[in-house]
Structure formats: structure tokens, C-alpha cells
Amino acid sequence: MFTGIVEDLGEVETVEHLGDFARIHVRSTVVTQDARVGDSICVNGVCLTVTGLIASRPGAAGALATEPSPAPLGFTADVMGETLRRSSLKSVTPGTEVNLERSVRLADRLGGHLVQGHTDGTGTIVSRDPQENWDVVRISLPPGLSRYVVHKGSVTVDGISLTVSAVDADWFEVSLIPETLKRTTLGRKQPGAAVNLEVDVVAKYVEKLMGAPGDR
């Protein structure tokens, strides 16, 4: 579980296409500070499992015992075929910047909203309108997701918890403050770029509970 508050802008270093899945190596010393193999890290809104950690430097094992152990330079993760089909991770290449967040601990503050890291679909940036102190970004909504997106509600875009500032049948808008523009990939993505979308899981549970008895 995540909160949609991006901790670091990482960079994809390598992508290995291995049949029906891909293995990616992501550089970041922030989210690897306390990471272990098997941990979950949200990459552009997709929950991935750490399969390996990249050592910070050659020969680190020979360092003095009193010397603090530096954080690994990055991590590797396997991206299954279903995830590649449903998310924009199928298009990442070496050099691609990605939003990163470690899984939330029960004692942490919930700065955004409850994010599972389970992509519901991808949208496309339709336009961005720079204002004096923020950017208004319009994003297309794939069929079937618009019913979960409401004005002033929460939505996850590439792993970022955002408030919906306007919505229509096939698009919604978010207003990005300078901090979001500076610390996430949405500060750079231009019209035509694909983004991963995750709607508020509470809305999906409510829909299920309010459905016909046979659907419960």
C-alpha cells in the first residue's frame, strides 16, 4: 500500500526483455536506503517487488567495519506480461525518469490517499496550461474509468496522489503545484505522453457493495 507521495525521481538504467516479462534496473539511493529483496516499491504508479539490490560500489565488502554502509545505487524488479500490457512501463527505456515511493508503514502519516499500485489503465496527457503558480494538466480517461473519477476526489497519475480539479466523460484535469512540477515526472511530460492511472479503490468497493445481490 502507498500514499501517492513521490519520494524520488529515479532513472531506468537497463531493460531486459525476457519472453513474457521484462526486468528493469532503476537507479535511486533514496528508496533503497532500507530496502530488502521482496520489498514493494511503486514505480510510476505500479507496485513492483524488489528482486535485487545494486551494490553502491565495488569492493564495499572490504570497507572498515566502523564505516557506515552506503545505500545501494538502485534495484531490479521483474515486470510481468499483464503489467506490461496494462501500464506505460512497456515503453520505458534506459534514461526514462520514473516516480518512486516505498510502501507505507502503519505508523506513517497518510499524506495522499490509499494507493494500491494496481494500474487500472493508461491515459494520455491532452494539454497543459501553465498558470502563474501552477500548471493545469488535462488527461484522457479510458472507457470504464470515468464513473470512478469525481470533482475534488482523488486519483493516482503515475504514482502521484492528485486532486481532480475538473472532470468530464472522457477526461479530467489536475492542478499541479510547483513542488509537484519539480519533484515528479509530470513536471516534464508533454501532451501525447502516456500516464498510468489508478482510481480510488474505495469507489470500486462502494460500487460492488451497491450492486445487485448476485454481484456481491
C-alpha atoms as a PDB file:
ATOM      1  CA  MET A   1       0.000   0.000   0.000  1.00  0.00           C
ATOM      2  CA  PHE A   2       1.221   3.513  -0.854  1.00  0.00           C
ATOM      3  CA  THR A   3       0.050   7.097  -0.367  1.00  0.00           C
ATOM      4  CA  GLY A   4       0.904   8.673  -3.722  1.00  0.00           C
ATOM      5  CA  ILE A   5       3.569  10.977  -2.262  1.00  0.00           C
ATOM      6  CA  VAL A   6       6.604  10.597  -4.536  1.00  0.00           C
ATOM      7  CA  GLU A   7       9.887  10.198  -2.658  1.00  0.00           C
ATOM      8  CA  ASP A   8      12.357  10.298  -5.521  1.00  0.00           C
ATOM      9  CA  LEU A   9      12.776  10.680  -9.258  1.00  0.00           C
ATOM     10  CA  GLY A  10      14.621   7.553 -10.309  1.00  0.00           C
ATOM     11  CA  GLU A  11      16.093   6.652 -13.671  1.00  0.00           C
ATOM     12  CA  VAL A  12      15.766   3.414 -15.613  1.00  0.00           C
ATOM     13  CA  GLU A  13      19.275   2.162 -16.383  1.00  0.00           C
ATOM     14  CA  THR A  14      18.608  -1.093 -18.212  1.00  0.00           C
ATOM     15  CA  VAL A  15      15.624  -3.031 -19.547  1.00  0.00           C
ATOM     16  CA  GLU A  16      15.869  -6.753 -20.304  1.00  0.00           C
ATOM     17  CA  HIS A  17      13.032  -8.270 -22.346  1.00  0.00           C
ATOM     18  CA  LEU A  18      12.808 -11.905 -21.269  1.00  0.00           C
ATOM     19  CA  GLY A  19       9.984 -13.561 -23.150  1.00  0.00           C
ATOM     20  CA  ASP A  20       6.692 -12.680 -21.491  1.00  0.00           C
ATOM     21  CA  PHE A  21       8.206 -10.377 -18.874  1.00  0.00           C
ATOM     22  CA  ALA A  22      10.844  -7.679 -18.513  1.00  0.00           C
ATOM     23  CA  ARG A  23      13.492  -6.995 -15.880  1.00  0.00           C
ATOM     24  CA  ILE A  24      14.300  -3.362 -15.148  1.00  0.00           C
ATOM     25  CA  HIS A  25      17.129  -1.775 -13.190  1.00  0.00           C
ATOM     26  CA  VAL A  26      16.211   1.536 -11.590  1.00  0.00           C
ATOM     27  CA  ARG A  27      18.782   3.925 -10.104  1.00  0.00           C
ATOM     28  CA  SER A  28      17.886   5.573  -6.786  1.00  0.00           C
ATOM     29  CA  THR A  29      19.676   5.872  -3.449  1.00  0.00           C
ATOM     30  CA  VAL A  30      16.585   7.258  -1.702  1.00  0.00           C
ATOM     31  CA  VAL A  31      14.134   4.351  -1.881  1.00  0.00           C
ATOM     32  CA  THR A  32      16.945   1.805  -1.406  1.00  0.00           C
ATOM     33  CA  GLN A  33      18.111   3.199   1.948  1.00  0.00           C
ATOM     34  CA  ASP A  34      16.330   0.467   3.888  1.00  0.00           C
ATOM     35  CA  ALA A  35      15.167  -1.734   1.025  1.00  0.00           C
ATOM     36  CA  ARG A  36      15.420  -5.511   1.052  1.00  0.00           C
ATOM     37  CA  VAL A  37      14.745  -8.133  -1.590  1.00  0.00           C
ATOM     38  CA  GLY A  38      10.991  -8.820  -1.517  1.00  0.00           C
ATOM     39  CA  ASP A  39      10.015  -5.257  -0.585  1.00  0.00           C
ATOM     40  CA  SER A  40       7.467  -3.334  -2.651  1.00  0.00           C
ATOM     41  CA  ILE A  41       8.317  -0.106  -4.467  1.00  0.00           C
ATOM     42  CA  CYS A  42       5.844   1.904  -6.523  1.00  0.00           C
ATOM     43  CA  VAL A  43       7.317   2.757  -9.943  1.00  0.00           C
ATOM     44  CA  ASN A  44       5.216   5.276 -11.903  1.00  0.00           C
ATOM     45  CA  GLY A  45       2.173   4.040 -10.038  1.00  0.00           C
ATOM     46  CA  VAL A  46       2.916   0.330 -10.457  1.00  0.00           C
ATOM     47  CA  CYS A  47       3.676  -1.811  -7.407  1.00  0.00           C
ATOM     48  CA  LEU A  48       6.811  -3.858  -8.141  1.00  0.00           C
ATOM     49  CA  THR A  49       8.742  -6.313  -5.990  1.00  0.00           C
ATOM     50  CA  VAL A  50      12.447  -5.746  -5.436  1.00  0.00           C
ATOM     51  CA  THR A  51      14.297  -8.772  -6.834  1.00  0.00           C
ATOM     52  CA  GLY A  52      17.821  -7.450  -6.332  1.00  0.00           C
ATOM     53  CA  LEU A  53      19.820  -4.522  -4.979  1.00  0.00           C
ATOM     54  CA  ILE A  54      22.701  -2.946  -6.857  1.00  0.00           C
ATOM     55  CA  ALA A  55      25.788  -2.539  -4.656  1.00  0.00           C
ATOM     56  CA  SER A  56      26.857   1.044  -4.074  1.00  0.00           C
ATOM     57  CA  ARG A  57      30.471   0.490  -5.058  1.00  0.00           C
ATOM     58  CA  PRO A  58      32.860  -2.286  -5.982  1.00  0.00           C
ATOM     59  CA  GLY A  59      34.771  -3.775  -3.085  1.00  0.00           C
ATOM     60  CA  ALA A  60      32.394  -2.414  -0.443  1.00  0.00           C
ATOM     61  CA  ALA A  61      32.742  -5.658   1.479  1.00  0.00           C
ATOM     62  CA  GLY A  62      36.330  -4.729   2.275  1.00  0.00           C
ATOM     63  CA  ALA A  63      35.432  -1.455   3.934  1.00  0.00           C
ATOM     64  CA  LEU A  64      36.168  -0.863   7.599  1.00  0.00           C
ATOM     65  CA  ALA A  65      33.536  -2.230   9.948  1.00  0.00           C
ATOM     66  CA  THR A  66      33.145   1.204  11.523  1.00  0.00           C
ATOM     67  CA  GLU A  67      32.419   2.826   8.168  1.00  0.00           C
ATOM     68  CA  PRO A  68      28.692   3.389   7.585  1.00  0.00           C
ATOM     69  CA  SER A  69      27.196   1.203   4.897  1.00  0.00           C
ATOM     70  CA  PRO A  70      26.048   3.365   1.975  1.00  0.00           C
ATOM     71  CA  ALA A  71      22.663   2.862   0.377  1.00  0.00           C
ATOM     72  CA  PRO A  72      22.585   0.684  -2.747  1.00  0.00           C
ATOM     73  CA  LEU A  73      22.663   2.584  -6.025  1.00  0.00           C
ATOM     74  CA  GLY A  74      19.442   1.020  -7.245  1.00  0.00           C
ATOM     75  CA  PHE A  75      17.246  -2.030  -7.504  1.00  0.00           C
ATOM     76  CA  THR A  76      15.974  -4.532 -10.023  1.00  0.00           C
ATOM     77  CA  ALA A  77      12.370  -5.621 -10.475  1.00  0.00           C
ATOM     78  CA  ASP A  78      10.560  -8.054 -12.766  1.00  0.00           C
ATOM     79  CA  VAL A  79       7.570  -6.692 -14.691  1.00  0.00           C
ATOM     80  CA  MET A  80       5.096  -9.395 -15.687  1.00  0.00           C
ATOM     81  CA  GLY A  81       3.324  -9.517 -19.025  1.00  0.00           C
ATOM     82  CA  GLU A  82      -0.032  -8.413 -17.567  1.00  0.00           C
ATOM     83  CA  THR A  83       1.613  -5.338 -16.059  1.00  0.00           C
ATOM     84  CA  LEU A  84       3.335  -4.532 -19.353  1.00  0.00           C
ATOM     85  CA  ARG A  85       0.008  -4.761 -21.172  1.00  0.00           C
ATOM     86  CA  ARG A  86      -1.882  -2.554 -18.711  1.00  0.00           C
ATOM     87  CA  SER A  87       0.691   0.130 -17.939  1.00  0.00           C
ATOM     88  CA  SER A  88       3.136   2.502 -19.581  1.00  0.00           C
ATOM     89  CA  LEU A  89       6.077   0.502 -18.206  1.00  0.00           C
ATOM     90  CA  LYS A  90       6.093  -1.339 -21.531  1.00  0.00           C
ATOM     91  CA  SER A  91       7.547   1.817 -23.064  1.00  0.00           C
ATOM     92  CA  VAL A  92      10.340   2.632 -20.605  1.00  0.00           C
ATOM     93  CA  THR A  93      13.874   2.665 -21.961  1.00  0.00           C
ATOM     94  CA  PRO A  94      17.288   3.422 -20.451  1.00  0.00           C
ATOM     95  CA  GLY A  95      17.225   7.047 -19.330  1.00  0.00           C
ATOM     96  CA  THR A  96      13.478   7.176 -18.622  1.00  0.00           C
ATOM     97  CA  GLU A  97      12.697   9.035 -15.387  1.00  0.00           C
ATOM     98  CA  VAL A  98      10.224   7.333 -13.048  1.00  0.00           C
ATOM     99  CA  ASN A  99       8.387   8.345  -9.870  1.00  0.00           C
ATOM    100  CA  LEU A 100       9.330   6.191  -6.876  1.00  0.00           C
ATOM    101  CA  GLU A 101       7.703   5.572  -3.498  1.00  0.00           C
ATOM    102  CA  ARG A 102       8.353   2.943  -0.837  1.00  0.00           C
ATOM    103  CA  SER A 103       5.378   1.135   0.668  1.00  0.00           C
ATOM    104  CA  VAL A 104       3.739   2.921   3.588  1.00  0.00           C
ATOM    105  CA  ARG A 105       4.191   1.789   7.184  1.00  0.00           C
ATOM    106  CA  LEU A 106       1.216   1.733   9.543  1.00  0.00           C
ATOM    107  CA  ALA A 107       2.874   4.401  11.705  1.00  0.00           C
ATOM    108  CA  ASP A 108       3.368   6.822   8.773  1.00  0.00           C
ATOM    109  CA  ARG A 109       1.260   9.875   8.009  1.00  0.00           C
ATOM    110  CA  LEU A 110      -1.139   9.359   5.110  1.00  0.00           C
ATOM    111  CA  GLY A 111      -0.163  12.400   3.073  1.00  0.00           C
ATOM    112  CA  GLY A 112      -2.105  11.495  -0.057  1.00  0.00           C
ATOM    113  CA  HIS A 113      -4.721   8.735  -0.256  1.00  0.00           C
ATOM    114  CA  LEU A 114      -4.724   4.930  -0.224  1.00  0.00           C
ATOM    115  CA  VAL A 115      -2.877   3.782  -3.343  1.00  0.00           C
ATOM    116  CA  GLN A 116      -2.503   0.092  -4.185  1.00  0.00           C
ATOM    117  CA  GLY A 117      -0.093   0.383  -7.088  1.00  0.00           C
ATOM    118  CA  HIS A 118      -2.522  -1.601  -9.259  1.00  0.00           C
ATOM    119  CA  THR A 119      -2.908   0.282 -12.529  1.00  0.00           C
ATOM    120  CA  ASP A 120      -6.490   0.461 -13.797  1.00  0.00           C
ATOM    121  CA  GLY A 121      -5.485   1.747 -17.209  1.00  0.00           C
ATOM    122  CA  THR A 122      -3.471   4.358 -19.037  1.00  0.00           C
ATOM    123  CA  GLY A 123      -4.437   7.853 -20.089  1.00  0.00           C
ATOM    124  CA  THR A 124      -2.794  10.415 -22.335  1.00  0.00           C
ATOM    125  CA  ILE A 125      -1.879  13.979 -21.479  1.00  0.00           C
ATOM    126  CA  VAL A 126      -4.197  16.022 -23.689  1.00  0.00           C
ATOM    127  CA  SER A 127      -2.969  19.503 -22.782  1.00  0.00           C
ATOM    128  CA  ARG A 128      -1.144  21.510 -20.159  1.00  0.00           C
ATOM    129  CA  ASP A 129      -1.965  25.118 -19.391  1.00  0.00           C
ATOM    130  CA  PRO A 130       0.757  26.949 -17.414  1.00  0.00           C
ATOM    131  CA  GLN A 131      -0.635  29.420 -14.881  1.00  0.00           C
ATOM    132  CA  GLU A 132       1.268  31.932 -12.772  1.00  0.00           C
ATOM    133  CA  ASN A 133       1.990  29.482  -9.941  1.00  0.00           C
ATOM    134  CA  TRP A 134       0.817  26.085 -11.212  1.00  0.00           C
ATOM    135  CA  ASP A 135       0.034  24.054 -14.334  1.00  0.00           C
ATOM    136  CA  VAL A 136      -3.399  22.728 -15.241  1.00  0.00           C
ATOM    137  CA  VAL A 137      -2.998  19.358 -16.947  1.00  0.00           C
ATOM    138  CA  ARG A 138      -5.826  17.608 -18.816  1.00  0.00           C
ATOM    139  CA  ILE A 139      -5.624  13.804 -19.096  1.00  0.00           C
ATOM    140  CA  SER A 140      -7.800  11.475 -21.137  1.00  0.00           C
ATOM    141  CA  LEU A 141      -9.909   8.859 -19.341  1.00  0.00           C
ATOM    142  CA  PRO A 142     -10.155   5.368 -20.865  1.00  0.00           C
ATOM    143  CA  PRO A 143     -13.649   3.878 -21.189  1.00  0.00           C
ATOM    144  CA  GLY A 144     -14.981   2.452 -17.958  1.00  0.00           C
ATOM    145  CA  LEU A 145     -12.975   4.618 -15.549  1.00  0.00           C
ATOM    146  CA  SER A 146     -14.866   7.908 -15.700  1.00  0.00           C
ATOM    147  CA  ARG A 147     -17.522   6.699 -13.232  1.00  0.00           C
ATOM    148  CA  TYR A 148     -14.846   6.431 -10.515  1.00  0.00           C
ATOM    149  CA  VAL A 149     -13.419   9.937 -11.003  1.00  0.00           C
ATOM    150  CA  VAL A 150     -15.257  12.805  -9.302  1.00  0.00           C
ATOM    151  CA  HIS A 151     -14.655  16.516  -8.888  1.00  0.00           C
ATOM    152  CA  LYS A 152     -12.441  17.159  -5.821  1.00  0.00           C
ATOM    153  CA  GLY A 153     -11.862  13.416  -5.469  1.00  0.00           C
ATOM    154  CA  SER A 154      -8.512  11.614  -5.511  1.00  0.00           C
ATOM    155  CA  VAL A 155      -6.820   9.938  -8.463  1.00  0.00           C
ATOM    156  CA  THR A 156      -3.348   8.486  -8.927  1.00  0.00           C
ATOM    157  CA  VAL A 157      -1.382   9.570 -12.005  1.00  0.00           C
ATOM    158  CA  ASP A 158       1.976   7.834 -12.498  1.00  0.00           C
ATOM    159  CA  GLY A 159       2.015   7.103  -8.776  1.00  0.00           C
ATOM    160  CA  ILE A 160       1.172  10.664  -7.714  1.00  0.00           C
ATOM    161  CA  SER A 161      -1.836  11.301  -5.476  1.00  0.00           C
ATOM    162  CA  LEU A 162      -3.702  14.233  -7.046  1.00  0.00           C
ATOM    163  CA  THR A 163      -6.996  16.060  -6.543  1.00  0.00           C
ATOM    164  CA  VAL A 164      -9.346  16.219  -9.524  1.00  0.00           C
ATOM    165  CA  SER A 165      -9.998  19.879 -10.351  1.00  0.00           C
ATOM    166  CA  ALA A 166     -12.375  19.221 -13.275  1.00  0.00           C
ATOM    167  CA  VAL A 167     -13.851  16.136 -14.934  1.00  0.00           C
ATOM    168  CA  ASP A 168     -15.905  15.176 -17.975  1.00  0.00           C
ATOM    169  CA  ALA A 169     -16.951  11.911 -19.608  1.00  0.00           C
ATOM    170  CA  ASP A 170     -13.577  11.207 -21.221  1.00  0.00           C
ATOM    171  CA  TRP A 171     -11.086  13.498 -19.470  1.00  0.00           C
ATOM    172  CA  PHE A 172     -10.157  15.027 -16.146  1.00  0.00           C
ATOM    173  CA  GLU A 173      -7.910  17.843 -15.024  1.00  0.00           C
ATOM    174  CA  VAL A 174      -5.439  18.245 -12.171  1.00  0.00           C
ATOM    175  CA  SER A 175      -3.695  21.399 -10.969  1.00  0.00           C
ATOM    176  CA  LEU A 176      -0.010  20.839 -10.246  1.00  0.00           C
ATOM    177  CA  ILE A 177       1.747  22.992  -7.659  1.00  0.00           C
ATOM    178  CA  PRO A 178       5.439  23.940  -8.100  1.00  0.00           C
ATOM    179  CA  GLU A 179       6.569  21.177  -5.710  1.00  0.00           C
ATOM    180  CA  THR A 180       4.845  18.510  -7.818  1.00  0.00           C
ATOM    181  CA  LEU A 181       6.243  20.001 -11.014  1.00  0.00           C
ATOM    182  CA  LYS A 182       9.754  19.942  -9.561  1.00  0.00           C
ATOM    183  CA  ARG A 183       9.758  16.532  -7.879  1.00  0.00           C
ATOM    184  CA  THR A 184       7.825  14.321 -10.337  1.00  0.00           C
ATOM    185  CA  THR A 185       7.768  13.326 -13.979  1.00  0.00           C
ATOM    186  CA  LEU A 186       4.581  15.357 -14.527  1.00  0.00           C
ATOM    187  CA  GLY A 187       6.725  18.477 -14.478  1.00  0.00           C
ATOM    188  CA  ARG A 188       8.251  17.361 -17.791  1.00  0.00           C
ATOM    189  CA  LYS A 189       5.698  15.225 -19.599  1.00  0.00           C
ATOM    190  CA  GLN A 190       4.092  16.915 -22.577  1.00  0.00           C
ATOM    191  CA  PRO A 191       0.822  16.365 -24.489  1.00  0.00           C
ATOM    192  CA  GLY A 192       0.782  12.931 -26.074  1.00  0.00           C
ATOM    193  CA  ALA A 193       2.659  11.227 -23.219  1.00  0.00           C
ATOM    194  CA  ALA A 194       1.071   8.158 -21.644  1.00  0.00           C
ATOM    195  CA  VAL A 195       0.437   8.026 -17.883  1.00  0.00           C
ATOM    196  CA  ASN A 196      -0.660   5.234 -15.560  1.00  0.00           C
ATOM    197  CA  LEU A 197      -3.998   5.743 -13.810  1.00  0.00           C
ATOM    198  CA  GLU A 198      -5.352   4.219 -10.620  1.00  0.00           C
ATOM    199  CA  VAL A 199      -8.772   5.291  -9.405  1.00  0.00           C
ATOM    200  CA  ASP A 200      -9.738   5.436  -5.744  1.00  0.00           C
ATOM    201  CA  VAL A 201     -10.246   1.830  -4.600  1.00  0.00           C
ATOM    202  CA  VAL A 202     -12.969   2.972  -2.160  1.00  0.00           C
ATOM    203  CA  ALA A 203     -15.153   3.918  -5.145  1.00  0.00           C
ATOM    204  CA  LYS A 204     -14.802   0.434  -6.606  1.00  0.00           C
ATOM    205  CA  TYR A 205     -15.742  -1.235  -3.325  1.00  0.00           C
ATOM    206  CA  VAL A 206     -18.789   1.025  -2.952  1.00  0.00           C
ATOM    207  CA  GLU A 207     -19.899   0.173  -6.485  1.00  0.00           C
ATOM    208  CA  LYS A 208     -19.571  -3.551  -5.735  1.00  0.00           C
ATOM    209  CA  LEU A 209     -21.491  -3.308  -2.470  1.00  0.00           C
ATOM    210  CA  MET A 210     -24.286  -1.269  -4.054  1.00  0.00           C
ATOM    211  CA  GLY A 211     -24.681  -3.680  -6.973  1.00  0.00           C
ATOM    212  CA  ALA A 212     -27.127  -6.487  -7.416  1.00  0.00           C
ATOM    213  CA  PRO A 213     -27.076  -9.171  -4.654  1.00  0.00           C
ATOM    214  CA  GLY A 214     -25.684 -11.706  -7.104  1.00  0.00           C
ATOM    215  CA  ASP A 215     -22.666  -9.478  -7.715  1.00  0.00           C
ATOM    216  CA  ARG A 216     -21.612  -9.357  -4.056  1.00  0.00           C
END
